[in-house]
């Protein structure tokens, strides 16, 4: 992923009013319900990756969560800080983030699709490192069912059917964007996670004059408990 170009593109989008006045996704209510069912996890510290200008982040803050916001776009964070003061915000790239198992939950909504397959692998590896055992990971990402609207070039194909494109036109021009297959998500989370919310696909029809639809996977996992290096993995079905 080209960090500087990605930040530039999103700075431009937020200056143009991206997400201004839009309601939070329904997935936010699912995240809060899952955290309410795991009170010790809810009471801990969380991280929202790609918090943007707060469309989905602020409802989590307003629900009483102690959750940091991380984003590459300085413009998005400026807008967010103007809406609400004293928020714990970080401008940076999650690929270089290190929390050493100190987080209770991680939220990543429509952000782990930025970059190539190598970037994707880094995202999931960093989440495993950042989450404490029993911590929760909430994810929403592009699905390969998306009917891609803007002109693009396919630059990678994953063995489970996922693919990476480079946009040749539109607001993400020049950016590499990954689209996931269901089996690809299962493989990426097999080491270290167990599902707590079934992986489901949301199909969204585009607003005319744009045509077709785009699709997103939504899912949640719990970080497994590992007793020691090389030992059998213990899983838990209860709350952390």
Protein backbone atom coordinates (compact mmCIF):
# COMPACT_ATOMS: atom_id res chain seq x y z
CA UNK A 1 0.00 0.00 0.00
CA UNK A 2 1.24 3.48 -0.87
CA UNK A 3 0.71 5.22 2.47
CA UNK A 4 1.23 8.76 1.17
CA UNK A 5 -1.07 8.35 -1.84
CA UNK A 6 -3.75 6.69 0.29
CA UNK A 7 -3.63 9.56 2.78
CA UNK A 8 -3.80 12.10 -0.06
CA UNK A 9 -6.81 10.44 -1.69
CA UNK A 10 -8.72 10.26 1.60
CA UNK A 11 -7.81 13.83 2.58
CA UNK A 12 -9.40 14.88 -0.71
CA UNK A 13 -12.49 12.76 -0.07
CA UNK A 14 -13.06 14.17 3.41
CA UNK A 15 -12.58 17.76 2.18
CA UNK A 16 -15.28 17.00 -0.41
CA UNK A 17 -17.74 16.00 2.32
CA UNK A 18 -17.30 12.22 2.38
CA UNK A 19 -19.60 10.64 5.03
CA UNK A 20 -20.77 14.07 6.26
CA UNK A 21 -24.18 13.60 7.88
CA UNK A 22 -24.36 9.88 7.05
CA UNK A 23 -25.84 7.53 9.62
CA UNK A 24 -23.64 4.83 11.17
CA UNK A 25 -23.71 1.35 9.69
CA UNK A 26 -26.00 -1.23 11.26
CA UNK A 27 -22.85 -3.24 12.00
CA UNK A 28 -22.08 -0.76 14.81
CA UNK A 29 -25.11 -2.04 16.75
CA UNK A 30 -23.86 -5.61 16.27
CA UNK A 31 -20.45 -4.62 17.65
CA UNK A 32 -22.02 -3.07 20.75
CA UNK A 33 -24.25 -6.11 21.28
CA UNK A 34 -21.24 -8.45 21.12
CA UNK A 35 -19.30 -6.28 23.58
CA UNK A 36 -22.27 -6.08 25.94
CA UNK A 37 -22.26 -9.89 25.98
CA UNK A 38 -18.58 -9.84 27.01
CA UNK A 39 -18.44 -7.25 29.83
CA UNK A 40 -14.79 -7.76 30.74
CA UNK A 41 -13.82 -7.16 27.11
CA UNK A 42 -16.09 -4.12 26.88
CA UNK A 43 -14.44 -2.63 29.95
CA UNK A 44 -11.00 -2.78 28.35
CA UNK A 45 -9.24 -0.58 25.82
CA UNK A 46 -10.11 -0.86 22.13
CA UNK A 47 -8.79 0.41 18.81
CA UNK A 48 -10.83 1.57 15.81
CA UNK A 49 -8.67 1.30 12.67
CA UNK A 50 -9.73 3.74 9.97
CA UNK A 51 -11.94 5.85 12.22
CA UNK A 52 -12.26 8.56 9.55
CA UNK A 53 -14.31 11.59 10.55
CA UNK A 54 -16.35 9.62 13.04
CA UNK A 55 -19.39 8.19 11.25
CA UNK A 56 -19.06 4.82 13.00
CA UNK A 57 -16.46 5.71 15.62
CA UNK A 58 -18.44 8.34 17.55
CA UNK A 59 -21.41 6.04 18.27
CA UNK A 60 -18.97 3.64 19.95
CA UNK A 61 -17.47 6.48 22.00
CA UNK A 62 -20.97 7.68 22.92
CA UNK A 63 -21.81 4.17 24.10
CA UNK A 64 -19.10 4.56 26.75
CA UNK A 65 -16.28 2.60 25.13
CA UNK A 66 -12.64 3.48 25.83
CA UNK A 67 -11.58 3.23 22.20
CA UNK A 68 -8.70 4.88 20.35
CA UNK A 69 -9.20 6.12 16.80
CA UNK A 70 -6.47 5.49 14.18
CA UNK A 71 -6.46 6.88 10.65
CA UNK A 72 -4.03 7.80 7.88
CA UNK A 73 -6.00 10.90 6.92
CA UNK A 74 -5.03 13.97 8.91
CA UNK A 75 -7.99 15.82 7.38
CA UNK A 76 -10.39 13.17 8.72
CA UNK A 77 -8.91 13.45 12.21
CA UNK A 78 -9.11 17.26 12.07
CA UNK A 79 -12.79 17.06 11.23
CA UNK A 80 -13.34 14.51 13.98
CA UNK A 81 -11.51 16.62 16.58
CA UNK A 82 -13.58 19.64 15.54
CA UNK A 83 -16.77 17.66 16.17
CA UNK A 84 -15.65 16.33 19.54
CA UNK A 85 -12.72 17.49 21.65
CA UNK A 86 -10.38 15.35 23.77
CA UNK A 87 -10.76 12.16 21.72
CA UNK A 88 -7.84 9.67 21.82
CA UNK A 89 -6.82 9.92 18.15
CA UNK A 90 -3.71 8.66 16.33
CA UNK A 91 -2.61 9.57 12.80
CA UNK A 92 -0.76 6.60 11.38
CA UNK A 93 -0.63 3.35 9.44
CA UNK A 94 -1.78 0.15 11.19
CA UNK A 95 0.88 -1.84 9.34
CA UNK A 96 3.42 -0.22 11.67
CA UNK A 97 1.27 -0.42 14.79
CA UNK A 98 2.41 -2.43 17.81
CA UNK A 99 0.32 -2.98 20.95
CA UNK A 100 1.89 -6.20 22.31
CA UNK A 101 -1.35 -7.87 23.33
CA UNK A 102 -2.71 -4.93 25.29
CA UNK A 103 -6.02 -4.39 23.45
CA UNK A 104 -9.36 -5.89 24.41
CA UNK A 105 -11.01 -5.37 21.03
CA UNK A 106 -10.24 -4.11 17.53
CA UNK A 107 -12.68 -2.63 15.01
CA UNK A 108 -11.76 -2.39 11.31
CA UNK A 109 -14.56 -1.22 9.01
CA UNK A 110 -13.79 -0.92 5.30
CA UNK A 111 -10.07 -0.39 5.86
CA UNK A 112 -8.34 -3.79 5.60
CA UNK A 113 -9.16 -3.71 1.89
CA UNK A 114 -6.48 -1.08 1.24
CA UNK A 115 -3.37 -2.60 -0.33
CA UNK A 116 -2.13 -5.88 -1.72
CA UNK A 117 -2.22 -9.44 -0.40
CA UNK A 118 1.02 -8.73 1.48
CA UNK A 119 -0.62 -5.76 3.23
CA UNK A 120 -3.65 -7.92 4.06
CA UNK A 121 -1.42 -10.53 5.71
CA UNK A 122 0.23 -7.80 7.78
CA UNK A 123 -3.12 -6.42 8.94
CA UNK A 124 -4.31 -9.77 10.27
CA UNK A 125 -0.95 -10.60 11.83
CA UNK A 126 -0.91 -7.23 13.62
CA UNK A 127 -4.41 -7.80 14.99
CA UNK A 128 -3.32 -11.16 16.41
CA UNK A 129 -0.37 -9.44 18.08
CA UNK A 130 -2.37 -6.48 19.36
CA UNK A 131 -5.27 -8.40 20.94
CA UNK A 132 -5.05 -10.01 24.33
CA UNK A 133 -6.36 -13.60 24.60
CA UNK A 134 -10.15 -13.53 24.63
CA UNK A 135 -10.19 -10.16 22.86
CA UNK A 136 -12.65 -9.49 20.03
CA UNK A 137 -11.95 -8.53 16.40
CA UNK A 138 -14.74 -6.90 14.35
CA UNK A 139 -14.25 -6.68 10.57
CA UNK A 140 -16.09 -5.33 7.54
CA UNK A 141 -14.32 -5.56 4.14
CA UNK A 142 -14.91 -5.72 0.39
CA UNK A 143 -16.33 -8.93 -1.06
CA UNK A 144 -15.45 -10.34 -4.47
CA UNK A 145 -19.21 -10.19 -5.24
CA UNK A 146 -18.81 -6.43 -5.75
CA UNK A 147 -19.56 -5.17 -9.24
CA UNK A 148 -16.61 -2.80 -9.52
CA UNK A 149 -17.80 0.50 -10.97
CA UNK A 150 -14.69 2.53 -11.82
CA UNK A 151 -12.14 1.56 -14.44
CA UNK A 152 -9.47 -0.69 -12.94
CA UNK A 153 -6.79 -3.31 -13.53
CA UNK A 154 -6.57 -6.64 -11.69
CA UNK A 155 -3.02 -6.92 -10.30
CA UNK A 156 -3.30 -10.01 -8.04
CA UNK A 157 -5.44 -13.12 -7.65
CA UNK A 158 -5.43 -15.04 -4.36
CA UNK A 159 -5.71 -18.82 -4.29
CA UNK A 160 -9.09 -18.76 -2.50
CA UNK A 161 -10.64 -16.44 -5.05
CA UNK A 162 -9.75 -13.04 -3.59
CA UNK A 163 -8.26 -10.41 -5.85
CA UNK A 164 -6.48 -7.06 -5.76
CA UNK A 165 -7.16 -4.29 -8.26
CA UNK A 166 -5.55 -0.95 -9.00
CA UNK A 167 -8.09 1.76 -9.71
CA UNK A 168 -7.34 3.59 -12.96
CA UNK A 169 -10.10 6.17 -12.46
CA UNK A 170 -12.34 7.56 -9.73
CA UNK A 171 -11.63 8.85 -6.21
CA UNK A 172 -9.22 5.98 -5.42
CA UNK A 173 -7.24 6.33 -8.65
CA UNK A 174 -3.81 4.74 -8.31
CA UNK A 175 -4.68 2.83 -5.15
CA UNK A 176 -4.47 -0.95 -4.73
CA UNK A 177 -7.72 -2.32 -3.24
CA UNK A 178 -8.32 -5.92 -2.17
CA UNK A 179 -11.59 -7.85 -2.51
CA UNK A 180 -11.97 -10.91 -0.27
CA UNK A 181 -13.45 -14.36 -0.80
CA UNK A 182 -15.15 -16.07 2.14
CA UNK A 183 -12.60 -18.92 2.24
CA UNK A 184 -9.79 -16.37 2.21
CA UNK A 185 -11.15 -14.77 5.41
CA UNK A 186 -11.38 -18.22 6.99
CA UNK A 187 -7.74 -18.91 6.19
CA UNK A 188 -6.53 -15.50 7.41
CA UNK A 189 -8.21 -16.00 10.79
CA UNK A 190 -7.53 -19.73 11.21
CA UNK A 191 -4.34 -19.08 13.19
CA UNK A 192 -5.30 -17.49 16.45
CA UNK A 193 -9.03 -16.79 16.14
CA UNK A 194 -12.40 -18.46 16.58
CA UNK A 195 -15.62 -17.01 15.10
CA UNK A 196 -18.15 -15.38 17.39
CA UNK A 197 -20.33 -13.87 14.64
CA UNK A 198 -21.02 -15.77 11.41
CA UNK A 199 -19.41 -14.25 8.32
CA UNK A 200 -22.21 -12.64 6.32
CA UNK A 201 -22.32 -10.75 3.06
CA UNK A 202 -24.09 -7.41 2.70
CA UNK A 203 -25.14 -6.43 -0.84
CA UNK A 204 -25.71 -2.69 -1.38
CA UNK A 205 -27.28 -1.32 -4.56
CA UNK A 206 -25.59 1.82 -5.84
CA UNK A 207 -27.51 5.08 -6.02
CA UNK A 208 -28.25 6.13 -9.65
CA UNK A 209 -26.71 7.29 -11.91
CA UNK A 210 -24.14 4.73 -10.75
CA UNK A 211 -25.04 1.16 -11.63
CA UNK A 212 -24.58 -2.27 -10.10
CA UNK A 213 -23.93 -3.16 -6.47
CA UNK A 214 -21.08 -3.48 -4.03
CA UNK A 215 -20.72 -6.11 -1.36
CA UNK A 216 -19.11 -6.30 2.06
CA UNK A 217 -18.29 -9.13 4.43
CA UNK A 218 -19.09 -8.58 8.12
CA UNK A 219 -17.75 -10.89 10.83
CA UNK A 220 -16.29 -11.06 14.33
CA UNK A 221 -13.75 -13.37 15.95
CA UNK A 222 -12.30 -13.99 19.41
CA UNK A 223 -8.55 -14.20 19.96
CA UNK A 224 -7.75 -17.75 21.08
CA UNK A 225 -5.94 -18.54 24.31
CA UNK A 226 -2.46 -19.99 23.71
CA UNK A 227 -0.80 -21.62 26.68
CA UNK A 228 2.75 -21.65 25.29
CA UNK A 229 4.77 -21.87 22.11
CA UNK A 230 4.27 -25.25 20.53
CA UNK A 231 1.52 -26.26 22.99
CA UNK A 232 -2.03 -27.17 21.99
CA UNK A 233 -4.35 -24.19 21.57
CA UNK A 234 -7.13 -23.70 24.07
CA UNK A 235 -10.35 -22.10 22.83
CA UNK A 236 -13.11 -20.63 24.91
CA UNK A 237 -16.77 -20.24 24.09
CA UNK A 238 -17.56 -18.04 27.09
CA UNK A 239 -16.97 -14.37 27.62
CA UNK A 240 -13.48 -13.15 28.29
